[in-house]
PDB file of N, CA and C in Angstrom:
ATOM      1  N   MET A   1       7.397 -13.273   2.779  1.00  0.00           N
ATOM      2  CA  MET A   1       8.019 -14.241   2.034  1.00  0.00           C
ATOM      3  C   MET A   1       8.534 -13.290   0.939  1.00  0.00           C
ATOM      4  N   LEU A   2       7.428 -12.625   0.547  1.00  0.00           N
ATOM      5  CA  LEU A   2       7.606 -11.988  -1.137  1.00  0.00           C
ATOM      6  C   LEU A   2       8.909 -11.172  -0.985  1.00  0.00           C
ATOM      7  N   VAL A   3       9.236 -10.648  -0.151  1.00  0.00           N
ATOM      8  CA  VAL A   3      10.259  -9.372  -0.053  1.00  0.00           C
ATOM      9  C   VAL A   3      11.784 -10.240   0.723  1.00  0.00           C
ATOM     10  N   THR A   4      11.475 -11.277   0.996  1.00  0.00           N
ATOM     11  CA  THR A   4      12.659 -12.087   1.656  1.00  0.00           C
ATOM     12  C   THR A   4      13.434 -12.865   0.852  1.00  0.00           C
ATOM     13  N   ARG A   5      12.907 -13.083  -0.531  1.00  0.00           N
ATOM     14  CA  ARG A   5      13.025 -14.468  -1.545  1.00  0.00           C
ATOM     15  C   ARG A   5      13.821 -13.948  -2.798  1.00  0.00           C
ATOM     16  N   PRO A   6      13.517 -12.680  -3.233  1.00  0.00           N
ATOM     17  CA  PRO A   6      14.085 -12.281  -4.401  1.00  0.00           C
ATOM     18  C   PRO A   6      15.644 -12.592  -4.897  1.00  0.00           C
ATOM     19  N   ALA A   7      16.114 -12.585  -5.766  1.00  0.00           N
ATOM     20  CA  ALA A   7      17.544 -12.440  -6.173  1.00  0.00           C
ATOM     21  C   ALA A   7      18.068 -11.380  -6.151  1.00  0.00           C
ATOM     22  N   ASN A   8      19.295 -11.177  -6.609  1.00  0.00           N
ATOM     23  CA  ASN A   8      19.897  -9.677  -6.826  1.00  0.00           C
ATOM     24  C   ASN A   8      19.243  -9.157  -7.947  1.00  0.00           C
ATOM     25  N   GLY A   9      18.936  -8.075  -8.009  1.00  0.00           N
ATOM     26  CA  GLY A   9      18.462  -7.138  -9.415  1.00  0.00           C
ATOM     27  C   GLY A   9      16.935  -7.119  -9.569  1.00  0.00           C
ATOM     28  N   THR A  10      16.175  -8.080  -8.277  1.00  0.00           N
ATOM     29  CA  THR A  10      15.078  -7.836  -8.702  1.00  0.00           C
ATOM     30  C   THR A  10      14.598  -6.789  -8.099  1.00  0.00           C
ATOM     31  N   LYS A  11      13.412  -6.153  -8.581  1.00  0.00           N
ATOM     32  CA  LYS A  11      12.604  -5.121  -7.950  1.00  0.00           C
ATOM     33  C   LYS A  11      11.135  -5.920  -7.770  1.00  0.00           C
ATOM     34  N   VAL A  12      10.612  -5.170  -6.384  1.00  0.00           N
ATOM     35  CA  VAL A  12       9.265  -5.751  -5.676  1.00  0.00           C
ATOM     36  C   VAL A  12       8.629  -4.498  -6.007  1.00  0.00           C
ATOM     37  N   VAL A  13       7.356  -4.358  -6.468  1.00  0.00           N
ATOM     38  CA  VAL A  13       6.417  -3.354  -6.447  1.00  0.00           C
ATOM     39  C   VAL A  13       5.384  -3.808  -5.520  1.00  0.00           C
ATOM     40  N   MET A  14       4.688  -3.190  -4.660  1.00  0.00           N
ATOM     41  CA  MET A  14       3.688  -3.333  -4.068  1.00  0.00           C
ATOM     42  C   MET A  14       2.455  -2.108  -4.340  1.00  0.00           C
ATOM     43  N   LEU A  15       1.370  -2.843  -4.275  1.00  0.00           N
ATOM     44  CA  LEU A  15       0.553  -1.672  -4.479  1.00  0.00           C
ATOM     45  C   LEU A  15      -0.813  -1.862  -3.803  1.00  0.00           C
ATOM     46  N   GLY A  16      -1.212  -0.735  -3.302  1.00  0.00           N
ATOM     47  CA  GLY A  16      -2.403  -0.924  -2.411  1.00  0.00           C
ATOM     48  C   GLY A  16      -3.148   0.628  -1.776  1.00  0.00           C
ATOM     49  N   ASN A  17      -4.610   0.711  -1.219  1.00  0.00           N
ATOM     50  CA  ASN A  17      -4.897   1.540  -0.828  1.00  0.00           C
ATOM     51  C   ASN A  17      -5.482   1.587   0.307  1.00  0.00           C
ATOM     52  N   LEU A  18      -4.730   2.083   1.506  1.00  0.00           N
ATOM     53  CA  LEU A  18      -4.827   1.598   2.823  1.00  0.00           C
ATOM     54  C   LEU A  18      -6.393   2.284   3.353  1.00  0.00           C
ATOM     55  N   ASP A  19      -7.019   2.950   2.290  1.00  0.00           N
ATOM     56  CA  ASP A  19      -8.475   3.380   2.627  1.00  0.00           C
ATOM     57  C   ASP A  19      -9.251   2.583   2.119  1.00  0.00           C
ATOM     58  N   GLN A  20      -8.954   1.426   1.479  1.00  0.00           N
ATOM     59  CA  GLN A  20     -10.204   0.443   1.120  1.00  0.00           C
ATOM     60  C   GLN A  20      -9.899  -0.786   1.506  1.00  0.00           C
ATOM     61  N   ILE A  21      -9.374  -0.650   2.712  1.00  0.00           N
ATOM     62  CA  ILE A  21      -9.713  -2.219   3.972  1.00  0.00           C
ATOM     63  C   ILE A  21     -10.981  -2.577   4.410  1.00  0.00           C
ATOM     64  N   ASP A  22     -11.541  -3.250   3.773  1.00  0.00           N
ATOM     65  CA  ASP A  22     -13.109  -3.999   3.739  1.00  0.00           C
ATOM     66  C   ASP A  22     -13.208  -5.226   5.083  1.00  0.00           C
ATOM     67  N   THR A  23     -11.976  -5.494   5.520  1.00  0.00           N
ATOM     68  CA  THR A  23     -12.020  -6.724   6.871  1.00  0.00           C
ATOM     69  C   THR A  23     -12.412  -6.150   8.179  1.00  0.00           C
ATOM     70  N   PRO A  24     -13.533  -6.372   8.939  1.00  0.00           N
ATOM     71  CA  PRO A  24     -13.794  -5.721  10.034  1.00  0.00           C
ATOM     72  C   PRO A  24     -12.917  -5.883  11.588  1.00  0.00           C
ATOM     73  N   ASN A  25     -11.780  -6.466  11.154  1.00  0.00           N
ATOM     74  CA  ASN A  25     -11.100  -6.551  12.434  1.00  0.00           C
ATOM     75  C   ASN A  25      -9.614  -6.104  11.770  1.00  0.00           C
ATOM     76  N   LEU A  26      -9.360  -5.212  10.849  1.00  0.00           N
ATOM     77  CA  LEU A  26      -8.238  -4.825  10.450  1.00  0.00           C
ATOM     78  C   LEU A  26      -8.362  -3.501   9.940  1.00  0.00           C
ATOM     79  N   THR A  27      -7.199  -2.678  10.301  1.00  0.00           N
ATOM     80  CA  THR A  27      -7.248  -1.333  10.494  1.00  0.00           C
ATOM     81  C   THR A  27      -6.463  -1.100   9.576  1.00  0.00           C
ATOM     82  N   ALA A  28      -6.043   0.547   9.128  1.00  0.00           N
ATOM     83  CA  ALA A  28      -5.393   0.808   7.757  1.00  0.00           C
ATOM     84  C   ALA A  28      -3.703   0.522   9.013  1.00  0.00           C
ATOM     85  N   GLY A  29      -3.632   0.788   9.696  1.00  0.00           N
ATOM     86  CA  GLY A  29      -2.403   1.082  10.555  1.00  0.00           C
ATOM     87  C   GLY A  29      -1.658  -0.337  10.768  1.00  0.00           C
ATOM     88  N   GLY A  30      -2.680  -1.582  10.732  1.00  0.00           N
ATOM     89  CA  GLY A  30      -2.308  -2.878  10.571  1.00  0.00           C
ATOM     90  C   GLY A  30      -2.348  -3.514   9.625  1.00  0.00           C
ATOM     91  N   SER A  31      -2.225  -3.300   8.787  1.00  0.00           N
ATOM     92  CA  SER A  31      -2.286  -3.775   7.527  1.00  0.00           C
ATOM     93  C   SER A  31      -0.971  -4.314   7.036  1.00  0.00           C
ATOM     94  N   GLY A  32      -0.635  -5.506   6.217  1.00  0.00           N
ATOM     95  CA  GLY A  32       0.506  -5.963   5.384  1.00  0.00           C
ATOM     96  C   GLY A  32       1.316  -4.716   4.762  1.00  0.00           C
ATOM     97  N   LEU A  33       0.591  -4.001   3.938  1.00  0.00           N
ATOM     98  CA  LEU A  33       1.000  -2.904   3.612  1.00  0.00           C
ATOM     99  C   LEU A  33       1.897  -1.729   4.108  1.00  0.00           C
ATOM    100  N   ALA A  34       0.864  -1.372   5.482  1.00  0.00           N
ATOM    101  CA  ALA A  34       1.325  -0.240   6.183  1.00  0.00           C
ATOM    102  C   ALA A  34       2.644  -0.890   6.924  1.00  0.00           C
ATOM    103  N   HIS A  35       2.594  -2.138   6.865  1.00  0.00           N
ATOM    104  CA  HIS A  35       3.681  -2.891   7.894  1.00  0.00           C
ATOM    105  C   HIS A  35       4.881  -2.791   7.172  1.00  0.00           C
ATOM    106  N   VAL A  36       4.831  -3.062   5.966  1.00  0.00           N
ATOM    107  CA  VAL A  36       5.778  -3.517   4.931  1.00  0.00           C
ATOM    108  C   VAL A  36       6.656  -1.739   4.803  1.00  0.00           C
ATOM    109  N   VAL A  37       5.765  -0.769   4.493  1.00  0.00           N
ATOM    110  CA  VAL A  37       6.051   0.769   4.355  1.00  0.00           C
ATOM    111  C   VAL A  37       6.877   1.138   5.612  1.00  0.00           C
ATOM    112  N   GLY A  38       6.304   0.629   7.021  1.00  0.00           N
ATOM    113  CA  GLY A  38       6.970   1.032   7.990  1.00  0.00           C
ATOM    114  C   GLY A  38       8.320   0.723   8.388  1.00  0.00           C
ATOM    115  N   HIS A  39       8.768  -0.981   7.877  1.00  0.00           N
ATOM    116  CA  HIS A  39       9.825  -1.330   8.147  1.00  0.00           C
ATOM    117  C   HIS A  39      11.060  -1.111   7.187  1.00  0.00           C
ATOM    118  N   PHE A  40      10.206  -0.543   5.864  1.00  0.00           N
ATOM    119  CA  PHE A  40      11.155  -0.365   5.008  1.00  0.00           C
ATOM    120  C   PHE A  40      11.434   1.428   4.953  1.00  0.00           C
ATOM    121  N   LYS A  41      10.735   2.255   5.478  1.00  0.00           N
ATOM    122  CA  LYS A  41      11.016   3.368   5.387  1.00  0.00           C
ATOM    123  C   LYS A  41      12.203   4.350   4.971  1.00  0.00           C
ATOM    124  N   ASP A  42      13.386   3.560   6.105  1.00  0.00           N
ATOM    125  CA  ASP A  42      14.737   4.308   6.281  1.00  0.00           C
ATOM    126  C   ASP A  42      15.466   3.256   5.138  1.00  0.00           C
ATOM    127  N   TYR A  43      15.079   2.505   4.413  1.00  0.00           N
ATOM    128  CA  TYR A  43      15.749   1.668   3.532  1.00  0.00           C
ATOM    129  C   TYR A  43      16.178   2.173   2.493  1.00  0.00           C
ATOM    130  N   PRO A  44      17.567   2.620   1.815  1.00  0.00           N
ATOM    131  CA  PRO A  44      17.901   3.415   0.979  1.00  0.00           C
ATOM    132  C   PRO A  44      17.464   3.078  -0.358  1.00  0.00           C
ATOM    133  N   ARG A  45      17.307   1.760  -0.831  1.00  0.00           N
ATOM    134  CA  ARG A  45      16.780   1.466  -2.190  1.00  0.00           C
ATOM    135  C   ARG A  45      15.298   1.144  -2.226  1.00  0.00           C
ATOM    136  N   GLY A  46      14.691   1.575  -0.894  1.00  0.00           N
ATOM    137  CA  GLY A  46      13.306   1.582  -1.234  1.00  0.00           C
ATOM    138  C   GLY A  46      12.783   2.972  -1.013  1.00  0.00           C
ATOM    139  N   GLY A  47      11.227   2.768  -1.184  1.00  0.00           N
ATOM    140  CA  GLY A  47      10.634   4.194  -1.080  1.00  0.00           C
ATOM    141  C   GLY A  47       9.097   4.009  -1.351  1.00  0.00           C
ATOM    142  N   HIS A  48       8.163   4.916  -0.982  1.00  0.00           N
ATOM    143  CA  HIS A  48       6.748   4.817  -1.254  1.00  0.00           C
ATOM    144  C   HIS A  48       6.661   6.142  -1.716  1.00  0.00           C
ATOM    145  N   LEU A  49       5.227   6.083  -2.312  1.00  0.00           N
ATOM    146  CA  LEU A  49       4.364   7.407  -2.617  1.00  0.00           C
ATOM    147  C   LEU A  49       3.026   7.293  -2.694  1.00  0.00           C
ATOM    148  N   ILE A  50       2.727   8.402  -2.203  1.00  0.00           N
ATOM    149  CA  ILE A  50       1.049   8.479  -1.856  1.00  0.00           C
ATOM    150  C   ILE A  50       0.439   9.379  -3.017  1.00  0.00           C
ATOM    151  N   LEU A  51      -0.570   8.565  -3.591  1.00  0.00           N
ATOM    152  CA  LEU A  51      -1.141   9.636  -4.675  1.00  0.00           C
ATOM    153  C   LEU A  51      -2.382  10.146  -4.294  1.00  0.00           C
ATOM    154  N   PRO A  52      -2.398  11.674  -4.645  1.00  0.00           N
ATOM    155  CA  PRO A  52      -3.371  12.351  -3.866  1.00  0.00           C
ATOM    156  C   PRO A  52      -4.914  12.050  -4.016  1.00  0.00           C
ATOM    157  N   GLU A  53      -5.117  11.174  -5.413  1.00  0.00           N
ATOM    158  CA  GLU A  53      -6.579  10.759  -5.460  1.00  0.00           C
ATOM    159  C   GLU A  53      -6.455   9.506  -6.181  1.00  0.00           C
ATOM    160  N   GLY A  54      -7.585   8.880  -6.279  1.00  0.00           N
ATOM    161  CA  GLY A  54      -7.609   7.589  -7.162  1.00  0.00           C
ATOM    162  C   GLY A  54      -7.544   7.836  -8.536  1.00  0.00           C
ATOM    163  N   GLU A  55      -6.915   6.776  -9.434  1.00  0.00           N
ATOM    164  CA  GLU A  55      -6.921   6.824 -10.742  1.00  0.00           C
ATOM    165  C   GLU A  55      -8.033   5.874 -11.319  1.00  0.00           C
ATOM    166  N   ARG A  56      -9.207   5.909 -10.552  1.00  0.00           N
ATOM    167  CA  ARG A  56     -10.702   5.237 -11.431  1.00  0.00           C
ATOM    168  C   ARG A  56     -11.145   6.243 -11.871  1.00  0.00           C
ATOM    169  N   SER A  57     -12.610   5.762 -11.664  1.00  0.00           N
ATOM    170  CA  SER A  57     -13.480   6.922 -12.307  1.00  0.00           C
ATOM    171  C   SER A  57     -13.944   7.747 -11.119  1.00  0.00           C
ATOM    172  N   PRO A  58     -14.558   8.608 -11.636  1.00  0.00           N
ATOM    173  CA  PRO A  58     -15.016   9.575 -10.521  1.00  0.00           C
ATOM    174  C   PRO A  58     -15.774   9.279  -9.460  1.00  0.00           C
ATOM    175  N   LEU A  59     -16.943   8.246 -10.027  1.00  0.00           N
ATOM    176  CA  LEU A  59     -17.936   7.770  -9.109  1.00  0.00           C
ATOM    177  C   LEU A  59     -16.964   6.783  -8.105  1.00  0.00           C
ATOM    178  N   ALA A  60     -16.036   6.235  -8.450  1.00  0.00           N
ATOM    179  CA  ALA A  60     -15.108   5.307  -7.620  1.00  0.00           C
ATOM    180  C   ALA A  60     -14.195   6.221  -6.346  1.00  0.00           C
ATOM    181  N   ASN A  61     -14.048   7.237  -6.939  1.00  0.00           N
ATOM    182  CA  ASN A  61     -13.036   8.224  -6.084  1.00  0.00           C
ATOM    183  C   ASN A  61     -14.157   8.548  -5.240  1.00  0.00           C
ATOM    184  N   TYR A  62     -15.441   9.257  -5.295  1.00  0.00           N
ATOM    185  CA  TYR A  62     -16.379   9.314  -4.572  1.00  0.00           C
ATOM    186  C   TYR A  62     -17.089   8.635  -3.603  1.00  0.00           C
ATOM    187  N   ALA A  63     -16.875   7.505  -4.069  1.00  0.00           N
ATOM    188  CA  ALA A  63     -17.301   6.346  -3.127  1.00  0.00           C
ATOM    189  C   ALA A  63     -16.471   6.265  -1.801  1.00  0.00           C
ATOM    190  N   ASN A  64     -15.076   6.469  -2.306  1.00  0.00           N
ATOM    191  CA  ASN A  64     -13.919   5.964  -1.618  1.00  0.00           C
ATOM    192  C   ASN A  64     -13.923   7.014  -0.497  1.00  0.00           C
ATOM    193  N   LYS A  65     -14.491   8.357  -0.749  1.00  0.00           N
ATOM    194  CA  LYS A  65     -14.737   9.352   0.336  1.00  0.00           C
ATOM    195  C   LYS A  65     -15.519   9.501   1.046  1.00  0.00           C
ATOM    196  N   VAL A  66     -16.715   8.656   0.716  1.00  0.00           N
ATOM    197  CA  VAL A  66     -17.833   9.000   1.518  1.00  0.00           C
ATOM    198  C   VAL A  66     -18.248   7.474   2.108  1.00  0.00           C
ATOM    199  N   LEU A  67     -17.885   6.493   1.745  1.00  0.00           N
ATOM    200  CA  LEU A  67     -18.254   5.394   2.433  1.00  0.00           C
ATOM    201  C   LEU A  67     -17.103   4.916   3.429  1.00  0.00           C
TER     202      LEU A  67
END
């Protein structure tokens, strides 16, 4: 619904980290964020980027890698 209702000139920004899924029966490839990225990858007015590492504390970045 979020991407089907905006008016002309609206910008939609979605943020997420596919490595931080904590729902037992959901995978990174099956998340809503991955679904939107996949369907909009060829849309000329859309785009996505992947940050090389987190923007939180060194402890949070380390926990994200090892847990």
